[in-house]
Amino acid sequence: GAQDASVHPEINYLGYPFSISENFQMRNTHKTIAESVEILSEI
């Protein structure tokens, strides 16, 4: 998603929902918190 959005020069900000709730992170992005840390780093 970050790669798809980043090709548009009109977009200034990429927003990433990072949850400190393991349950909600799984519900929201189907990732664990540990995986989300990696994704945020890549973003």
PDB file of all heavy atoms in Angstrom:
ATOM      1  N   GLY A   1       0.819  -1.209   0.000  1.00  0.00           N
ATOM      2  CA  GLY A   1       0.000   0.000   0.000  1.00  0.00           C
ATOM      3  C   GLY A   1       0.851   1.256   0.000  1.00  0.00           C
ATOM      4  O   GLY A   1       0.544   2.236  -0.699  1.00  0.00           O
ATOM      5  N   ALA A   2       1.943   1.227   0.774  1.00  0.00           N
ATOM      6  CA  ALA A   2       2.846   2.386   0.818  1.00  0.00           C
ATOM      7  C   ALA A   2       3.501   2.612  -0.538  1.00  0.00           C
ATOM      8  O   ALA A   2       3.642   3.755  -0.987  1.00  0.00           O
ATOM      9  CB  ALA A   2       3.916   2.169   1.890  1.00  0.00           C
ATOM     10  N   GLN A   3       3.884   1.520  -1.200  1.00  0.00           N
ATOM     11  CA  GLN A   3       4.481   1.652  -2.535  1.00  0.00           C
ATOM     12  C   GLN A   3       3.471   2.216  -3.533  1.00  0.00           C
ATOM     13  O   GLN A   3       3.800   3.088  -4.348  1.00  0.00           O
ATOM     14  CB  GLN A   3       5.011   0.290  -3.005  1.00  0.00           C
ATOM     15  CG  GLN A   3       6.258  -0.157  -2.243  1.00  0.00           C
ATOM     16  CD  GLN A   3       6.600  -1.617  -2.458  1.00  0.00           C
ATOM     17  OE1 GLN A   3       5.736  -2.427  -2.801  1.00  0.00           O
ATOM     18  NE2 GLN A   3       7.861  -1.960  -2.224  1.00  0.00           N
ATOM     19  N   ASP A   4       2.226   1.725  -3.461  1.00  0.00           N
ATOM     20  CA  ASP A   4       1.187   2.206  -4.377  1.00  0.00           C
ATOM     21  C   ASP A   4       0.899   3.694  -4.158  1.00  0.00           C
ATOM     22  O   ASP A   4       0.717   4.447  -5.117  1.00  0.00           O
ATOM     23  CB  ASP A   4      -0.110   1.404  -4.185  1.00  0.00           C
ATOM     24  CG  ASP A   4       0.006  -0.029  -4.678  1.00  0.00           C
ATOM     25  OD1 ASP A   4       0.986  -0.329  -5.403  1.00  0.00           O
ATOM     26  OD2 ASP A   4      -0.866  -0.852  -4.335  1.00  0.00           O
ATOM     27  N   ALA A   5       0.852   4.105  -2.887  1.00  0.00           N
ATOM     28  CA  ALA A   5       0.557   5.511  -2.582  1.00  0.00           C
ATOM     29  C   ALA A   5       1.733   6.413  -2.914  1.00  0.00           C
ATOM     30  O   ALA A   5       1.550   7.557  -3.354  1.00  0.00           O
ATOM     31  CB  ALA A   5       0.187   5.653  -1.104  1.00  0.00           C
ATOM     32  N   SER A   6       2.942   5.896  -2.734  1.00  0.00           N
ATOM     33  CA  SER A   6       4.130   6.752  -2.848  1.00  0.00           C
ATOM     34  C   SER A   6       4.430   7.184  -4.281  1.00  0.00           C
ATOM     35  O   SER A   6       5.200   8.115  -4.501  1.00  0.00           O
ATOM     36  CB  SER A   6       5.353   6.056  -2.248  1.00  0.00           C
ATOM     37  OG  SER A   6       5.736   4.953  -3.055  1.00  0.00           O
ATOM     38  N   VAL A   7       3.818   6.523  -5.266  1.00  0.00           N
ATOM     39  CA  VAL A   7       4.065   6.929  -6.659  1.00  0.00           C
ATOM     40  C   VAL A   7       3.297   8.210  -7.010  1.00  0.00           C
ATOM     41  O   VAL A   7       3.536   8.796  -8.067  1.00  0.00           O
ATOM     42  CB  VAL A   7       3.687   5.813  -7.667  1.00  0.00           C
ATOM     43  CG1 VAL A   7       4.457   4.543  -7.375  1.00  0.00           C
ATOM     44  CG2 VAL A   7       2.179   5.549  -7.671  1.00  0.00           C
ATOM     45  N   HIS A   8       2.404   8.628  -6.148  1.00  0.00           N
ATOM     46  CA  HIS A   8       1.604   9.831  -6.411  1.00  0.00           C
ATOM     47  C   HIS A   8       2.263  11.042  -5.748  1.00  0.00           C
ATOM     48  O   HIS A   8       2.247  11.165  -4.519  1.00  0.00           O
ATOM     49  CB  HIS A   8       0.180   9.655  -5.870  1.00  0.00           C
ATOM     50  CG  HIS A   8      -0.558   8.514  -6.499  1.00  0.00           C
ATOM     51  ND1 HIS A   8      -1.133   8.608  -7.744  1.00  0.00           N
ATOM     52  CD2 HIS A   8      -0.800   7.255  -6.053  1.00  0.00           C
ATOM     53  CE1 HIS A   8      -1.701   7.447  -8.038  1.00  0.00           C
ATOM     54  NE2 HIS A   8      -1.513   6.618  -7.029  1.00  0.00           N
ATOM     55  N   PRO A   9       2.823  11.951  -6.534  1.00  0.00           N
ATOM     56  CA  PRO A   9       3.497  13.114  -5.932  1.00  0.00           C
ATOM     57  C   PRO A   9       2.548  14.031  -5.169  1.00  0.00           C
ATOM     58  O   PRO A   9       2.987  14.799  -4.313  1.00  0.00           O
ATOM     59  CB  PRO A   9       4.101  13.840  -7.150  1.00  0.00           C
ATOM     60  CG  PRO A   9       3.353  13.339  -8.336  1.00  0.00           C
ATOM     61  CD  PRO A   9       2.914  11.944  -8.000  1.00  0.00           C
ATOM     62  N   GLU A  10       1.246  13.940  -5.456  1.00  0.00           N
ATOM     63  CA  GLU A  10       0.279  14.815  -4.778  1.00  0.00           C
ATOM     64  C   GLU A  10       0.096  14.441  -3.307  1.00  0.00           C
ATOM     65  O   GLU A  10      -0.382  15.248  -2.507  1.00  0.00           O
ATOM     66  CB  GLU A  10      -1.102  14.728  -5.462  1.00  0.00           C
ATOM     67  CG  GLU A  10      -1.088  15.039  -6.941  1.00  0.00           C
ATOM     68  CD  GLU A  10      -0.868  13.793  -7.804  1.00  0.00           C
ATOM     69  OE1 GLU A  10      -0.437  12.752  -7.268  1.00  0.00           O
ATOM     70  OE2 GLU A  10      -1.128  13.880  -9.016  1.00  0.00           O
ATOM     71  N   ILE A  11       0.443  13.208  -2.946  1.00  0.00           N
ATOM     72  CA  ILE A  11       0.266  12.749  -1.558  1.00  0.00           C
ATOM     73  C   ILE A  11       1.461  13.198  -0.723  1.00  0.00           C
ATOM     74  O   ILE A  11       2.608  12.947  -1.070  1.00  0.00           O
ATOM     75  CB  ILE A  11       0.098  11.216  -1.502  1.00  0.00           C
ATOM     76  CG1 ILE A  11      -1.207  10.804  -2.184  1.00  0.00           C
ATOM     77  CG2 ILE A  11       0.130  10.707  -0.064  1.00  0.00           C
ATOM     78  CD1 ILE A  11      -1.399   9.305  -2.304  1.00  0.00           C
ATOM     79  N   ASN A  12       1.172  13.865   0.388  1.00  0.00           N
ATOM     80  CA  ASN A  12       2.227  14.359   1.278  1.00  0.00           C
ATOM     81  C   ASN A  12       2.535  13.401   2.416  1.00  0.00           C
ATOM     82  O   ASN A  12       3.678  13.317   2.874  1.00  0.00           O
ATOM     83  CB  ASN A  12       1.817  15.702   1.887  1.00  0.00           C
ATOM     84  CG  ASN A  12       1.437  16.725   0.829  1.00  0.00           C
ATOM     85  OD1 ASN A  12       0.276  16.817   0.456  1.00  0.00           O
ATOM     86  ND2 ASN A  12       2.407  17.467   0.322  1.00  0.00           N
ATOM     87  N   TYR A  13       1.488  12.714   2.906  1.00  0.00           N
ATOM     88  CA  TYR A  13       1.641  11.876   4.102  1.00  0.00           C
ATOM     89  C   TYR A  13       1.144  10.455   3.849  1.00  0.00           C
ATOM     90  O   TYR A  13       0.091  10.250   3.244  1.00  0.00           O
ATOM     91  CB  TYR A  13       0.826  12.443   5.268  1.00  0.00           C
ATOM     92  CG  TYR A  13       1.240  13.806   5.733  1.00  0.00           C
ATOM     93  CD1 TYR A  13       0.418  14.910   5.496  1.00  0.00           C
ATOM     94  CD2 TYR A  13       2.430  14.007   6.437  1.00  0.00           C
ATOM     95  CE1 TYR A  13       0.782  16.178   5.931  1.00  0.00           C
ATOM     96  CE2 TYR A  13       2.803  15.271   6.874  1.00  0.00           C
ATOM     97  CZ  TYR A  13       1.969  16.352   6.621  1.00  0.00           C
ATOM     98  OH  TYR A  13       2.329  17.606   7.049  1.00  0.00           O
ATOM     99  N   LEU A  14       1.903   9.488   4.360  1.00  0.00           N
ATOM    100  CA  LEU A  14       1.437   8.109   4.459  1.00  0.00           C
ATOM    101  C   LEU A  14       1.061   7.868   5.915  1.00  0.00           C
ATOM    102  O   LEU A  14       1.888   8.076   6.812  1.00  0.00           O
ATOM    103  CB  LEU A  14       2.540   7.137   4.042  1.00  0.00           C
ATOM    104  CG  LEU A  14       3.169   7.329   2.651  1.00  0.00           C
ATOM    105  CD1 LEU A  14       4.266   6.285   2.417  1.00  0.00           C
ATOM    106  CD2 LEU A  14       2.118   7.267   1.562  1.00  0.00           C
ATOM    107  N   GLY A  15      -0.176   7.479   6.148  1.00  0.00           N
ATOM    108  CA  GLY A  15      -0.638   7.220   7.513  1.00  0.00           C
ATOM    109  C   GLY A  15      -0.669   5.725   7.782  1.00  0.00           C
ATOM    110  O   GLY A  15      -1.214   4.956   6.974  1.00  0.00           O
ATOM    111  N   TYR A  16      -0.059   5.306   8.887  1.00  0.00           N
ATOM    112  CA  TYR A  16      -0.026   3.877   9.210  1.00  0.00           C
ATOM    113  C   TYR A  16      -0.644   3.635  10.579  1.00  0.00           C
ATOM    114  O   TYR A  16      -0.188   4.190  11.588  1.00  0.00           O
ATOM    115  CB  TYR A  16       1.413   3.354   9.195  1.00  0.00           C
ATOM    116  CG  TYR A  16       1.498   1.872   9.521  1.00  0.00           C
ATOM    117  CD1 TYR A  16       0.943   0.925   8.663  1.00  0.00           C
ATOM    118  CD2 TYR A  16       2.097   1.416  10.686  1.00  0.00           C
ATOM    119  CE1 TYR A  16       0.993  -0.431   8.953  1.00  0.00           C
ATOM    120  CE2 TYR A  16       2.162   0.063  10.990  1.00  0.00           C
ATOM    121  CZ  TYR A  16       1.606  -0.861  10.116  1.00  0.00           C
ATOM    122  OH  TYR A  16       1.657  -2.201  10.413  1.00  0.00           O
ATOM    123  N   PRO A  17      -1.702   2.799  10.636  1.00  0.00           N
ATOM    124  CA  PRO A  17      -2.331   2.487  11.933  1.00  0.00           C
ATOM    125  C   PRO A  17      -1.528   1.423  12.682  1.00  0.00           C
ATOM    126  O   PRO A  17      -1.493   0.266  12.290  1.00  0.00           O
ATOM    127  CB  PRO A  17      -3.723   1.961  11.539  1.00  0.00           C
ATOM    128  CG  PRO A  17      -3.571   1.457  10.140  1.00  0.00           C
ATOM    129  CD  PRO A  17      -2.420   2.179   9.509  1.00  0.00           C
ATOM    130  N   PHE A  18      -0.866   1.853  13.736  1.00  0.00           N
ATOM    131  CA  PHE A  18      -0.032   0.949  14.531  1.00  0.00           C
ATOM    132  C   PHE A  18      -0.695   0.749  15.890  1.00  0.00           C
ATOM    133  O   PHE A  18      -0.810   1.687  16.675  1.00  0.00           O
ATOM    134  CB  PHE A  18       1.364   1.549  14.714  1.00  0.00           C
ATOM    135  CG  PHE A  18       2.304   0.652  15.469  1.00  0.00           C
ATOM    136  CD1 PHE A  18       3.082  -0.268  14.796  1.00  0.00           C
ATOM    137  CD2 PHE A  18       2.385   0.717  16.851  1.00  0.00           C
ATOM    138  CE1 PHE A  18       3.949  -1.107  15.493  1.00  0.00           C
ATOM    139  CE2 PHE A  18       3.239  -0.124  17.552  1.00  0.00           C
ATOM    140  CZ  PHE A  18       4.022  -1.034  16.873  1.00  0.00           C
ATOM    141  N   SER A  19      -1.151  -0.452  16.153  1.00  0.00           N
ATOM    142  CA  SER A  19      -1.885  -0.684  17.402  1.00  0.00           C
ATOM    143  C   SER A  19      -0.991  -1.295  18.464  1.00  0.00           C
ATOM    144  O   SER A  19      -0.191  -2.186  18.178  1.00  0.00           O
ATOM    145  CB  SER A  19      -3.081  -1.606  17.172  1.00  0.00           C
ATOM    146  OG  SER A  19      -3.786  -1.771  18.387  1.00  0.00           O
ATOM    147  N   ILE A  20      -1.146  -0.798  19.684  1.00  0.00           N
ATOM    148  CA  ILE A  20      -0.415  -1.416  20.801  1.00  0.00           C
ATOM    149  C   ILE A  20      -1.244  -2.534  21.426  1.00  0.00           C
ATOM    150  O   ILE A  20      -0.895  -3.089  22.454  1.00  0.00           O
ATOM    151  CB  ILE A  20      -0.004  -0.373  21.859  1.00  0.00           C
ATOM    152  CG1 ILE A  20      -1.211   0.408  22.387  1.00  0.00           C
ATOM    153  CG2 ILE A  20       1.004   0.591  21.272  1.00  0.00           C
ATOM    154  CD1 ILE A  20      -0.866   1.378  23.501  1.00  0.00           C
ATOM    155  N   SER A  21      -2.364  -2.870  20.760  1.00  0.00           N
ATOM    156  CA  SER A  21      -3.182  -4.027  21.136  1.00  0.00           C
ATOM    157  C   SER A  21      -2.946  -5.121  20.105  1.00  0.00           C
ATOM    158  O   SER A  21      -3.233  -4.941  18.925  1.00  0.00           O
ATOM    159  CB  SER A  21      -4.671  -3.651  21.160  1.00  0.00           C
ATOM    160  OG  SER A  21      -5.482  -4.790  20.928  1.00  0.00           O
ATOM    161  N   GLU A  22      -2.406  -6.249  20.555  1.00  0.00           N
ATOM    162  CA  GLU A  22      -2.171  -7.372  19.635  1.00  0.00           C
ATOM    163  C   GLU A  22      -3.470  -7.799  18.963  1.00  0.00           C
ATOM    164  O   GLU A  22      -3.522  -8.033  17.758  1.00  0.00           O
ATOM    165  CB  GLU A  22      -1.567  -8.552  20.411  1.00  0.00           C
ATOM    166  CG  GLU A  22      -0.962  -9.625  19.524  1.00  0.00           C
ATOM    167  CD  GLU A  22       0.482  -9.319  19.130  1.00  0.00           C
ATOM    168  OE1 GLU A  22       1.356  -9.210  20.004  1.00  0.00           O
ATOM    169  OE2 GLU A  22       0.713  -9.179  17.915  1.00  0.00           O
ATOM    170  N   ASN A  23      -4.532  -7.865  19.743  1.00  0.00           N
ATOM    171  CA  ASN A  23      -5.829  -8.272  19.202  1.00  0.00           C
ATOM    172  C   ASN A  23      -6.309  -7.333  18.107  1.00  0.00           C
ATOM    173  O   ASN A  23      -6.752  -7.760  17.043  1.00  0.00           O
ATOM    174  CB  ASN A  23      -6.888  -8.313  20.320  1.00  0.00           C
ATOM    175  CG  ASN A  23      -6.927  -9.638  21.023  1.00  0.00           C
ATOM    176  OD1 ASN A  23      -7.132 -10.672  20.405  1.00  0.00           O
ATOM    177  ND2 ASN A  23      -6.720  -9.625  22.324  1.00  0.00           N
ATOM    178  N   PHE A  24      -6.220  -6.032  18.390  1.00  0.00           N
ATOM    179  CA  PHE A  24      -6.744  -5.069  17.415  1.00  0.00           C
ATOM    180  C   PHE A  24      -5.856  -5.007  16.179  1.00  0.00           C
ATOM    181  O   PHE A  24      -6.348  -4.836  15.067  1.00  0.00           O
ATOM    182  CB  PHE A  24      -6.881  -3.670  18.034  1.00  0.00           C
ATOM    183  CG  PHE A  24      -7.640  -2.726  17.139  1.00  0.00           C
ATOM    184  CD1 PHE A  24      -9.023  -2.822  17.023  1.00  0.00           C
ATOM    185  CD2 PHE A  24      -6.981  -1.764  16.403  1.00  0.00           C
ATOM    186  CE1 PHE A  24      -9.723  -1.975  16.182  1.00  0.00           C
ATOM    187  CE2 PHE A  24      -7.678  -0.906  15.561  1.00  0.00           C
ATOM    188  CZ  PHE A  24      -9.057  -1.017  15.455  1.00  0.00           C
ATOM    189  N   GLN A  25      -4.538  -5.151  16.359  1.00  0.00           N
ATOM    190  CA  GLN A  25      -3.647  -5.139  15.194  1.00  0.00           C
ATOM    191  C   GLN A  25      -3.993  -6.299  14.265  1.00  0.00           C
ATOM    192  O   GLN A  25      -4.020  -6.138  13.044  1.00  0.00           O
ATOM    193  CB  GLN A  25      -2.186  -5.240  15.638  1.00  0.00           C
ATOM    194  CG  GLN A  25      -1.187  -4.923  14.532  1.00  0.00           C
ATOM    195  CD  GLN A  25      -1.181  -3.454  14.136  1.00  0.00           C
ATOM    196  OE1 GLN A  25      -1.080  -2.579  14.962  1.00  0.00           O
ATOM    197  NE2 GLN A  25      -1.322  -3.174  12.853  1.00  0.00           N
ATOM    198  N   MET A  26      -4.297  -7.463  14.845  1.00  0.00           N
ATOM    199  CA  MET A  26      -4.684  -8.616  14.027  1.00  0.00           C
ATOM    200  C   MET A  26      -6.016  -8.361  13.327  1.00  0.00           C
ATOM    201  O   MET A  26      -6.185  -8.681  12.151  1.00  0.00           O
ATOM    202  CB  MET A  26      -4.783  -9.879  14.901  1.00  0.00           C
ATOM    203  CG  MET A  26      -3.449 -10.406  15.395  1.00  0.00           C
ATOM    204  SD  MET A  26      -2.332 -10.944  14.062  1.00  0.00           S
ATOM    205  CE  MET A  26      -3.180 -12.399  13.457  1.00  0.00           C
ATOM    206  N   ARG A  27      -6.960  -7.768  14.030  1.00  0.00           N
ATOM    207  CA  ARG A  27      -8.265  -7.464  13.428  1.00  0.00           C
ATOM    208  C   ARG A  27      -8.121  -6.440  12.304  1.00  0.00           C
ATOM    209  O   ARG A  27      -8.802  -6.512  11.285  1.00  0.00           O
ATOM    210  CB  ARG A  27      -9.218  -6.868  14.489  1.00  0.00           C
ATOM    211  CG  ARG A  27      -9.814  -7.865  15.451  1.00  0.00           C
ATOM    212  CD  ARG A  27     -10.583  -7.104  16.532  1.00  0.00           C
ATOM    213  NE  ARG A  27     -11.189  -8.026  17.472  1.00  0.00           N
ATOM    214  CZ  ARG A  27     -12.496  -8.058  17.761  1.00  0.00           C
ATOM    215  NH1 ARG A  27     -13.318  -7.220  17.184  1.00  0.00           N
ATOM    216  NH2 ARG A  27     -12.975  -8.924  18.628  1.00  0.00           N
ATOM    217  N   ASN A  28      -7.262  -5.466  12.530  1.00  0.00           N
ATOM    218  CA  ASN A  28      -7.166  -4.318  11.631  1.00  0.00           C
ATOM    219  C   ASN A  28      -6.297  -4.608  10.407  1.00  0.00           C
ATOM    220  O   ASN A  28      -6.651  -4.239   9.286  1.00  0.00           O
ATOM    221  CB  ASN A  28      -6.600  -3.116  12.399  1.00  0.00           C
ATOM    222  CG  ASN A  28      -7.129  -1.799  11.877  1.00  0.00           C
ATOM    223  OD1 ASN A  28      -8.184  -1.738  11.263  1.00  0.00           O
ATOM    224  ND2 ASN A  28      -6.387  -0.743  12.111  1.00  0.00           N
ATOM    225  N   THR A  29      -5.143  -5.258  10.622  1.00  0.00           N
ATOM    226  CA  THR A  29      -4.207  -5.462   9.511  1.00  0.00           C
ATOM    227  C   THR A  29      -3.743  -6.915   9.360  1.00  0.00           C
ATOM    228  O   THR A  29      -2.913  -7.205   8.503  1.00  0.00           O
ATOM    229  CB  THR A  29      -2.949  -4.572   9.686  1.00  0.00           C
ATOM    230  OG1 THR A  29      -2.255  -4.971  10.871  1.00  0.00           O
ATOM    231  CG2 THR A  29      -3.311  -3.099   9.779  1.00  0.00           C
ATOM    232  N   HIS A  30      -4.283  -7.825  10.194  1.00  0.00           N
ATOM    233  CA  HIS A  30      -3.909  -9.241  10.152  1.00  0.00           C
ATOM    234  C   HIS A  30      -2.410  -9.444  10.362  1.00  0.00           C
ATOM    235  O   HIS A  30      -1.800 -10.331   9.778  1.00  0.00           O
ATOM    236  CB  HIS A  30      -4.363  -9.889   8.836  1.00  0.00           C
ATOM    237  CG  HIS A  30      -5.812  -9.713   8.550  1.00  0.00           C
ATOM    238  ND1 HIS A  30      -6.795 -10.285   9.335  1.00  0.00           N
ATOM    239  CD2 HIS A  30      -6.460  -9.000   7.600  1.00  0.00           C
ATOM    240  CE1 HIS A  30      -7.989  -9.930   8.870  1.00  0.00           C
ATOM    241  NE2 HIS A  30      -7.806  -9.151   7.817  1.00  0.00           N
ATOM    242  N   LYS A  31      -1.835  -8.586  11.192  1.00  0.00           N
ATOM    243  CA  LYS A  31      -0.417  -8.696  11.517  1.00  0.00           C
ATOM    244  C   LYS A  31      -0.238  -8.664  13.033  1.00  0.00           C
ATOM    245  O   LYS A  31      -1.029  -8.059  13.745  1.00  0.00           O
ATOM    246  CB  LYS A  31       0.379  -7.518  10.924  1.00  0.00           C
ATOM    247  CG  LYS A  31       0.272  -7.369   9.415  1.00  0.00           C
ATOM    248  CD  LYS A  31       0.966  -8.500   8.686  1.00  0.00           C
ATOM    249  CE  LYS A  31       0.875  -8.306   7.177  1.00  0.00           C
ATOM    250  NZ  LYS A  31       1.192  -9.524   6.433  1.00  0.00           N
ATOM    251  N   THR A  32       0.849  -9.280  13.489  1.00  0.00           N
ATOM    252  CA  THR A  32       1.213  -9.157  14.898  1.00  0.00           C
ATOM    253  C   THR A  32       1.879  -7.798  15.099  1.00  0.00           C
ATOM    254  O   THR A  32       2.272  -7.130  14.131  1.00  0.00           O
ATOM    255  CB  THR A  32       2.200 -10.257  15.317  1.00  0.00           C
ATOM    256  OG1 THR A  32       3.416 -10.076  14.573  1.00  0.00           O
ATOM    257  CG2 THR A  32       1.630 -11.654  15.048  1.00  0.00           C
ATOM    258  N   ILE A  33       2.035  -7.407  16.346  1.00  0.00           N
ATOM    259  CA  ILE A  33       2.730  -6.144  16.619  1.00  0.00           C
ATOM    260  C   ILE A  33       4.168  -6.216  16.107  1.00  0.00           C
ATOM    261  O   ILE A  33       4.665  -5.258  15.509  1.00  0.00           O
ATOM    262  CB  ILE A  33       2.690  -5.821  18.129  1.00  0.00           C
ATOM    263  CG1 ILE A  33       1.257  -5.428  18.541  1.00  0.00           C
ATOM    264  CG2 ILE A  33       3.670  -4.700  18.473  1.00  0.00           C
ATOM    265  CD1 ILE A  33       1.087  -5.141  20.013  1.00  0.00           C
ATOM    266  N   ALA A  34       4.823  -7.356  16.299  1.00  0.00           N
ATOM    267  CA  ALA A  34       6.217  -7.504  15.831  1.00  0.00           C
ATOM    268  C   ALA A  34       6.300  -7.325  14.312  1.00  0.00           C
ATOM    269  O   ALA A  34       7.206  -6.652  13.805  1.00  0.00           O
ATOM    270  CB  ALA A  34       6.764  -8.868  16.235  1.00  0.00           C
ATOM    271  N   GLU A  35       5.337  -7.912  13.600  1.00  0.00           N
ATOM    272  CA  GLU A  35       5.314  -7.747  12.130  1.00  0.00           C
ATOM    273  C   GLU A  35       5.036  -6.294  11.762  1.00  0.00           C
ATOM    274  O   GLU A  35       5.585  -5.767  10.784  1.00  0.00           O
ATOM    275  CB  GLU A  35       4.246  -8.660  11.528  1.00  0.00           C
ATOM    276  CG  GLU A  35       4.604 -10.138  11.558  1.00  0.00           C
ATOM    277  CD  GLU A  35       3.449 -11.038  11.173  1.00  0.00           C
ATOM    278  OE1 GLU A  35       2.290 -10.741  11.539  1.00  0.00           O
ATOM    279  OE2 GLU A  35       3.696 -12.052  10.502  1.00  0.00           O
ATOM    280  N   SER A  36       4.186  -5.636  12.542  1.00  0.00           N
ATOM    281  CA  SER A  36       3.840  -4.237  12.258  1.00  0.00           C
ATOM    282  C   SER A  36       5.027  -3.303  12.442  1.00  0.00           C
ATOM    283  O   SER A  36       5.158  -2.308  11.727  1.00  0.00           O
ATOM    284  CB  SER A  36       2.689  -3.786  13.160  1.00  0.00           C
ATOM    285  OG  SER A  36       1.514  -4.483  12.827  1.00  0.00           O
ATOM    286  N   VAL A  37       5.890  -3.625  13.401  1.00  0.00           N
ATOM    287  CA  VAL A  37       7.115  -2.831  13.586  1.00  0.00           C
ATOM    288  C   VAL A  37       7.961  -2.908  12.316  1.00  0.00           C
ATOM    289  O   VAL A  37       8.485  -1.893  11.836  1.00  0.00           O
ATOM    290  CB  VAL A  37       7.916  -3.333  14.809  1.00  0.00           C
ATOM    291  CG1 VAL A  37       9.296  -2.692  14.853  1.00  0.00           C
ATOM    292  CG2 VAL A  37       7.163  -3.027  16.102  1.00  0.00           C
ATOM    293  N   GLU A  38       8.084  -4.114  11.756  1.00  0.00           N
ATOM    294  CA  GLU A  38       8.855  -4.292  10.514  1.00  0.00           C
ATOM    295  C   GLU A  38       8.223  -3.504   9.366  1.00  0.00           C
ATOM    296  O   GLU A  38       8.917  -2.850   8.582  1.00  0.00           O
ATOM    297  CB  GLU A  38       8.906  -5.785  10.141  1.00  0.00           C
ATOM    298  CG  GLU A  38       9.813  -6.619  11.022  1.00  0.00           C
ATOM    299  CD  GLU A  38      11.261  -6.177  10.948  1.00  0.00           C
ATOM    300  OE1 GLU A  38      11.760  -5.944   9.823  1.00  0.00           O
ATOM    301  OE2 GLU A  38      11.882  -6.018  12.010  1.00  0.00           O
ATOM    302  N   ILE A  39       6.909  -3.599   9.267  1.00  0.00           N
ATOM    303  CA  ILE A  39       6.208  -2.899   8.176  1.00  0.00           C
ATOM    304  C   ILE A  39       6.385  -1.389   8.310  1.00  0.00           C
ATOM    305  O   ILE A  39       6.662  -0.700   7.321  1.00  0.00           O
ATOM    306  CB  ILE A  39       4.700  -3.277   8.183  1.00  0.00           C
ATOM    307  CG1 ILE A  39       4.531  -4.723   7.743  1.00  0.00           C
ATOM    308  CG2 ILE A  39       3.902  -2.345   7.264  1.00  0.00           C
ATOM    309  CD1 ILE A  39       3.157  -5.294   8.008  1.00  0.00           C
ATOM    310  N   LEU A  40       6.248  -0.880   9.522  1.00  0.00           N
ATOM    311  CA  LEU A  40       6.416   0.557   9.733  1.00  0.00           C
ATOM    312  C   LEU A  40       7.827   0.998   9.346  1.00  0.00           C
ATOM    313  O   LEU A  40       8.013   2.049   8.721  1.00  0.00           O
ATOM    314  CB  LEU A  40       6.119   0.922  11.192  1.00  0.00           C
ATOM    315  CG  LEU A  40       6.329   2.393  11.573  1.00  0.00           C
ATOM    316  CD1 LEU A  40       5.512   3.328  10.684  1.00  0.00           C
ATOM    317  CD2 LEU A  40       5.970   2.611  13.043  1.00  0.00           C
ATOM    318  N   SER A  41       8.800   0.189   9.667  1.00  0.00           N
ATOM    319  CA  SER A  41      10.182   0.500   9.305  1.00  0.00           C
ATOM    320  C   SER A  41      10.330   0.596   7.784  1.00  0.00           C
ATOM    321  O   SER A  41      10.968   1.509   7.253  1.00  0.00           O
ATOM    322  CB  SER A  41      11.113  -0.583   9.867  1.00  0.00           C
ATOM    323  OG  SER A  41      12.443  -0.323   9.525  1.00  0.00           O
ATOM    324  N   GLU A  42       9.701  -0.353   7.079  1.00  0.00           N
ATOM    325  CA  GLU A  42       9.761  -0.337   5.604  1.00  0.00           C
ATOM    326  C   GLU A  42       9.016   0.875   5.040  1.00  0.00           C
ATOM    327  O   GLU A  42       9.457   1.487   4.056  1.00  0.00           O
ATOM    328  CB  GLU A  42       9.166  -1.646   5.062  1.00  0.00           C
ATOM    329  CG  GLU A  42      10.038  -2.857   5.336  1.00  0.00           C
ATOM    330  CD  GLU A  42       9.294  -4.177   5.121  1.00  0.00           C
ATOM    331  OE1 GLU A  42       8.134  -4.140   4.659  1.00  0.00           O
ATOM    332  OE2 GLU A  42       9.880  -5.231   5.410  1.00  0.00           O
ATOM    333  N   ILE A  43       7.887   1.224   5.649  1.00  0.00           N
ATOM    334  CA  ILE A  43       7.113   2.385   5.188  1.00  0.00           C
ATOM    335  C   ILE A  43       7.919   3.664   5.377  1.00  0.00           C
ATOM    336  O   ILE A  43       7.912   4.554   4.515  1.00  0.00           O
ATOM    337  CB  ILE A  43       5.754   2.454   5.923  1.00  0.00           C
ATOM    338  CG1 ILE A  43       4.850   1.314   5.465  1.00  0.00           C
ATOM    339  CG2 ILE A  43       5.057   3.810   5.677  1.00  0.00           C
ATOM    340  CD1 ILE A  43       3.571   1.157   6.281  1.00  0.00           C
TER     341      ILE A  43
END
